[in-house]
């Protein structure tokens, strides 16, 4: 009996390892794709897409919602080809009726990029996220994963964070996972509910998620940058890629690199 149990455990472990290797291979292929520019690939060293998406347990047959992918769709370039054969990708973008010039331009750029390569991005379903009016980012209870990259501070600035976290909660299936990457303020920072510097404490993000009904699962240091003090003249935008001070102390900020970031995982019970 003991031998049978050990054999069963070995088989389960082996099968799990093989499945993990397959997912890693498929994801690595999407990340290495020739459709991604060298400029975008350069940022992999700061954003660690393979490790980040595996930490969020994103598999190729899932329904995934990417929140506010921006004009360039940096993560969409990876998620769309990865999910296209078996999964579904919702891109919850800015509202066309937002009346905000930056949002309108970004949405137009994203649409142009998607339509230019239908063979690669034909699976992307475009939805809108603009609190408090447009919150249907995906059918209720349909998503396996909801992912947001460096967006929480924007919602805090406009007092929209509670509404957005609720929308993400509603889109997920029970047992679905919310993955959050955000610029990280030091834990002892003075609370800034509007996140004007672009940095947010982990405790505050966790509180926002738990208020919406999520349960905190784990954090990762994948996207940590100990060189970043989070104290800069123009906030997080002082650092690359924005470099808001332009040539002033440019080499100093390039040496720091992109911001220190929390990587948090939550589950919808």
Protein backbone atom coordinates (compact mmCIF):
# COMPACT_ATOMS: atom_id res chain seq x y z
CA UNK A 1 0.00 0.00 0.00
CA UNK A 2 2.84 2.35 0.91
CA UNK A 3 4.53 1.72 -2.46
CA UNK A 4 1.28 2.43 -4.31
CA UNK A 5 0.83 5.69 -2.40
CA UNK A 6 4.39 6.79 -3.13
CA UNK A 7 3.96 5.93 -6.80
CA UNK A 8 0.74 7.93 -6.93
CA UNK A 9 2.41 10.92 -5.28
CA UNK A 10 5.29 10.70 -7.73
CA UNK A 11 2.90 10.57 -10.67
CA UNK A 12 1.00 13.62 -9.43
CA UNK A 13 4.25 15.54 -8.86
CA UNK A 14 5.59 14.54 -12.27
CA UNK A 15 2.35 15.53 -14.03
CA UNK A 16 2.30 18.87 -12.22
CA UNK A 17 5.93 19.54 -13.14
CA UNK A 18 5.27 18.70 -16.79
CA UNK A 19 2.23 21.00 -16.90
CA UNK A 20 4.25 23.80 -15.31
CA UNK A 21 7.06 23.32 -17.83
CA UNK A 22 4.58 23.44 -20.70
CA UNK A 23 3.01 26.68 -19.45
CA UNK A 24 6.44 28.22 -18.91
CA UNK A 25 7.44 27.27 -22.44
CA UNK A 26 4.31 28.72 -24.03
CA UNK A 27 4.64 31.93 -22.06
CA UNK A 28 8.36 32.26 -22.78
CA UNK A 29 7.61 31.87 -26.49
CA UNK A 30 5.09 34.73 -26.36
CA UNK A 31 7.58 36.93 -24.49
CA UNK A 32 10.34 36.18 -27.01
CA UNK A 33 8.06 36.79 -30.01
CA UNK A 34 9.36 38.88 -32.90
CA UNK A 35 6.23 41.05 -32.72
CA UNK A 36 7.64 42.67 -29.57
CA UNK A 37 10.00 45.57 -30.20
CA UNK A 38 13.50 45.66 -28.71
CA UNK A 39 12.38 48.71 -26.72
CA UNK A 40 9.59 46.70 -25.12
CA UNK A 41 11.82 43.69 -24.51
CA UNK A 42 14.37 45.97 -22.82
CA UNK A 43 11.80 46.58 -20.08
CA UNK A 44 11.52 42.87 -19.28
CA UNK A 45 14.43 43.34 -16.86
CA UNK A 46 12.23 45.63 -14.76
CA UNK A 47 8.83 44.02 -15.30
CA UNK A 48 9.79 40.30 -15.26
CA UNK A 49 6.74 39.16 -17.26
CA UNK A 50 7.43 35.42 -17.10
CA UNK A 51 7.92 35.33 -13.35
CA UNK A 52 5.07 37.78 -12.72
CA UNK A 53 2.47 35.92 -14.78
CA UNK A 54 3.51 32.57 -13.35
CA UNK A 55 3.24 34.02 -9.83
CA UNK A 56 -0.31 35.06 -10.74
CA UNK A 57 -0.87 31.46 -11.95
CA UNK A 58 -2.04 32.52 -15.42
CA UNK A 59 -2.55 29.46 -17.65
CA UNK A 60 -3.09 29.42 -21.42
CA UNK A 61 -6.69 28.14 -21.25
CA UNK A 62 -7.99 30.83 -18.86
CA UNK A 63 -10.26 33.84 -19.22
CA UNK A 64 -8.15 36.85 -18.26
CA UNK A 65 -9.01 40.53 -17.83
CA UNK A 66 -6.19 43.02 -18.30
CA UNK A 67 -7.02 46.38 -16.74
CA UNK A 68 -6.07 49.60 -18.56
CA UNK A 69 -3.49 48.17 -21.00
CA UNK A 70 -2.52 51.66 -22.21
CA UNK A 71 -1.85 52.77 -25.77
CA UNK A 72 1.08 50.42 -26.35
CA UNK A 73 -0.44 47.33 -24.78
CA UNK A 74 2.87 46.17 -23.30
CA UNK A 75 1.37 43.21 -21.45
CA UNK A 76 -1.27 42.65 -24.14
CA UNK A 77 1.56 41.79 -26.54
CA UNK A 78 2.35 38.85 -24.27
CA UNK A 79 -1.07 37.82 -23.03
CA UNK A 80 -2.88 37.88 -26.38
CA UNK A 81 -0.73 35.32 -28.25
CA UNK A 82 -0.37 33.23 -25.10
CA UNK A 83 -4.15 33.00 -24.60
CA UNK A 84 -5.27 33.01 -28.23
CA UNK A 85 -5.32 29.24 -28.91
CA UNK A 86 -7.30 28.21 -25.81
CA UNK A 87 -8.15 31.19 -23.63
CA UNK A 88 -9.96 34.53 -23.67
CA UNK A 89 -8.52 37.99 -23.09
CA UNK A 90 -10.57 41.03 -22.12
CA UNK A 91 -8.84 44.39 -22.34
CA UNK A 92 -10.68 46.74 -19.99
CA UNK A 93 -9.57 50.03 -21.51
CA UNK A 94 -10.45 53.70 -21.13
CA UNK A 95 -13.92 54.88 -22.08
CA UNK A 96 -14.32 56.47 -25.49
CA UNK A 97 -16.63 58.98 -23.79
CA UNK A 98 -14.27 59.94 -20.97
CA UNK A 99 -13.67 63.45 -22.29
CA UNK A 100 -10.01 63.09 -21.22
CA UNK A 101 -7.58 63.69 -24.09
CA UNK A 102 -4.93 61.27 -22.77
CA UNK A 103 -7.51 58.49 -22.44
CA UNK A 104 -8.92 59.11 -25.92
CA UNK A 105 -5.48 59.08 -27.54
CA UNK A 106 -4.38 55.97 -25.66
CA UNK A 107 -7.54 54.07 -26.58
CA UNK A 108 -7.13 55.01 -30.25
CA UNK A 109 -3.51 53.81 -30.25
CA UNK A 110 -4.50 50.52 -28.66
CA UNK A 111 -7.32 49.91 -31.15
CA UNK A 112 -5.00 50.66 -34.06
CA UNK A 113 -2.43 48.21 -32.74
CA UNK A 114 -5.03 45.48 -32.27
CA UNK A 115 -6.57 45.91 -35.72
CA UNK A 116 -3.18 46.00 -37.47
CA UNK A 117 -2.43 42.38 -36.49
CA UNK A 118 -5.71 40.45 -36.24
CA UNK A 119 -3.86 37.14 -36.52
CA UNK A 120 -2.19 37.94 -33.21
CA UNK A 121 -4.73 40.12 -31.40
CA UNK A 122 -7.99 38.84 -32.86
CA UNK A 123 -8.92 37.24 -29.54
CA UNK A 124 -8.84 40.49 -27.58
CA UNK A 125 -12.30 41.61 -26.42
CA UNK A 126 -12.36 45.33 -25.71
CA UNK A 127 -14.40 46.56 -22.73
CA UNK A 128 -14.46 49.83 -20.81
CA UNK A 129 -13.44 50.83 -17.32
CA UNK A 130 -14.25 54.35 -16.21
CA UNK A 131 -15.68 54.69 -12.71
CA UNK A 132 -18.37 55.27 -11.73
CA UNK A 133 -20.24 54.86 -15.04
CA UNK A 134 -18.46 52.08 -16.97
CA UNK A 135 -17.56 49.14 -14.73
CA UNK A 136 -18.60 46.06 -16.77
CA UNK A 137 -15.06 44.91 -17.50
CA UNK A 138 -16.23 41.33 -18.25
CA UNK A 139 -19.38 39.29 -17.68
CA UNK A 140 -20.05 38.83 -13.97
CA UNK A 141 -18.29 35.76 -12.57
CA UNK A 142 -16.59 34.89 -15.87
CA UNK A 143 -12.89 35.58 -15.30
CA UNK A 144 -10.23 33.26 -13.93
CA UNK A 145 -7.75 36.11 -13.53
CA UNK A 146 -7.89 39.91 -13.37
CA UNK A 147 -4.54 41.65 -13.75
CA UNK A 148 -3.62 45.27 -13.15
CA UNK A 149 -0.19 46.77 -13.65
CA UNK A 150 0.69 50.13 -12.03
CA UNK A 151 -2.85 51.51 -12.05
CA UNK A 152 -3.94 51.72 -8.41
CA UNK A 153 -2.43 55.17 -7.85
CA UNK A 154 -4.48 56.54 -10.77
CA UNK A 155 -7.73 55.31 -9.23
CA UNK A 156 -6.76 56.72 -5.84
CA UNK A 157 -6.06 60.12 -7.39
CA UNK A 158 -9.63 60.25 -8.73
CA UNK A 159 -11.23 58.59 -5.67
CA UNK A 160 -12.23 55.63 -7.86
CA UNK A 161 -10.31 52.82 -6.18
CA UNK A 162 -13.23 51.32 -4.22
CA UNK A 163 -15.44 51.18 -7.32
CA UNK A 164 -12.71 49.59 -9.45
CA UNK A 165 -11.77 46.94 -6.90
CA UNK A 166 -15.45 46.04 -6.62
CA UNK A 167 -15.71 45.75 -10.41
CA UNK A 168 -12.69 43.45 -10.49
CA UNK A 169 -14.19 41.33 -7.72
CA UNK A 170 -17.49 41.01 -9.56
CA UNK A 171 -15.80 39.96 -12.82
CA UNK A 172 -13.95 37.06 -11.20
CA UNK A 173 -15.25 33.56 -10.64
CA UNK A 174 -15.20 32.27 -7.04
CA UNK A 175 -11.64 31.06 -6.62
CA UNK A 176 -10.41 33.50 -9.26
CA UNK A 177 -7.24 35.47 -8.65
CA UNK A 178 -6.54 39.19 -8.77
CA UNK A 179 -2.93 40.09 -9.56
CA UNK A 180 -1.70 43.59 -8.68
CA UNK A 181 1.60 45.26 -9.53
CA UNK A 182 2.01 48.79 -8.17
CA UNK A 183 4.71 51.34 -7.35
CA UNK A 184 5.58 50.75 -3.71
CA UNK A 185 5.92 53.44 -1.05
CA UNK A 186 7.96 52.61 2.07
CA UNK A 187 5.81 50.97 4.73
CA UNK A 188 6.34 53.86 7.16
CA UNK A 189 5.30 56.51 4.63
CA UNK A 190 2.79 59.18 5.59
CA UNK A 191 -0.58 58.00 4.24
CA UNK A 192 -1.45 59.68 0.94
CA UNK A 193 -4.95 58.63 -0.07
CA UNK A 194 -4.54 60.40 -3.42
CA UNK A 195 -1.12 58.83 -4.23
CA UNK A 196 0.10 62.04 -5.86
CA UNK A 197 3.68 60.72 -5.98
CA UNK A 198 2.53 57.58 -7.81
CA UNK A 199 3.68 55.43 -4.89
CA UNK A 200 1.33 53.47 -2.60
CA UNK A 201 2.01 51.37 0.50
CA UNK A 202 1.36 47.64 0.32
CA UNK A 203 -0.85 47.89 3.39
CA UNK A 204 -3.12 50.40 1.65
CA UNK A 205 -3.52 48.25 -1.48
CA UNK A 206 -4.25 45.18 0.63
CA UNK A 207 -6.86 47.14 2.57
CA UNK A 208 -8.54 48.27 -0.67
CA UNK A 209 -8.71 44.71 -1.95
CA UNK A 210 -9.99 43.25 1.31
CA UNK A 211 -12.64 45.97 1.53
CA UNK A 212 -13.96 44.75 -1.84
CA UNK A 213 -14.14 41.17 -0.54
CA UNK A 214 -10.81 39.72 -1.65
CA UNK A 215 -8.61 37.58 0.56
CA UNK A 216 -4.86 38.26 0.45
CA UNK A 217 -2.85 35.23 -0.70
CA UNK A 218 0.79 36.21 -1.15
CA UNK A 219 3.32 38.84 -2.10
CA UNK A 220 6.45 38.49 -4.19
CA UNK A 221 9.71 40.42 -4.52
CA UNK A 222 9.81 39.70 -8.27
CA UNK A 223 9.50 43.38 -9.19
CA UNK A 224 11.31 44.87 -6.21
CA UNK A 225 14.01 47.49 -6.76
CA UNK A 226 15.99 48.29 -3.59
CA UNK A 227 17.75 51.17 -5.40
CA UNK A 228 14.49 53.13 -5.47
CA UNK A 229 13.94 55.35 -2.41
CA UNK A 230 10.47 56.39 -3.66
CA UNK A 231 11.46 59.99 -2.87
CA UNK A 232 11.98 61.94 -6.08
CA UNK A 233 11.25 65.53 -7.21
CA UNK A 234 8.56 64.45 -9.68
CA UNK A 235 7.42 61.31 -7.92
CA UNK A 236 7.67 57.98 -9.71
CA UNK A 237 7.70 59.80 -13.05
CA UNK A 238 11.22 61.06 -12.24
CA UNK A 239 12.46 57.55 -13.01
CA UNK A 240 12.59 55.80 -16.38
CA UNK A 241 10.83 55.36 -18.65
CA UNK A 242 9.20 58.79 -18.15
CA UNK A 243 12.28 60.73 -16.90
CA UNK A 244 10.18 63.81 -16.23
CA UNK A 245 13.25 65.92 -15.38
CA UNK A 246 14.59 65.08 -18.86
CA UNK A 247 18.38 65.66 -18.91
CA UNK A 248 18.61 66.81 -15.28
CA UNK A 249 20.35 64.01 -13.31
CA UNK A 250 19.36 61.63 -16.10
CA UNK A 251 22.24 59.20 -15.53
CA UNK A 252 21.42 59.06 -11.82
CA UNK A 253 17.83 58.03 -12.48
CA UNK A 254 18.77 55.62 -15.25
CA UNK A 255 21.11 53.94 -12.78
CA UNK A 256 18.21 53.48 -10.36
CA UNK A 257 16.05 51.99 -13.07
CA UNK A 258 12.27 51.64 -12.97
CA UNK A 259 10.39 51.90 -9.69
CA UNK A 260 10.30 49.54 -6.75
CA UNK A 261 7.06 47.58 -7.16
CA UNK A 262 4.88 45.40 -5.01
CA UNK A 263 3.50 42.24 -6.59
CA UNK A 264 0.40 41.04 -4.75
CA UNK A 265 -1.97 38.12 -5.24
CA UNK A 266 -5.55 37.97 -3.95
CA UNK A 267 -8.36 35.43 -4.28
CA UNK A 268 -12.11 35.82 -4.52
CA UNK A 269 -13.44 33.36 -1.92
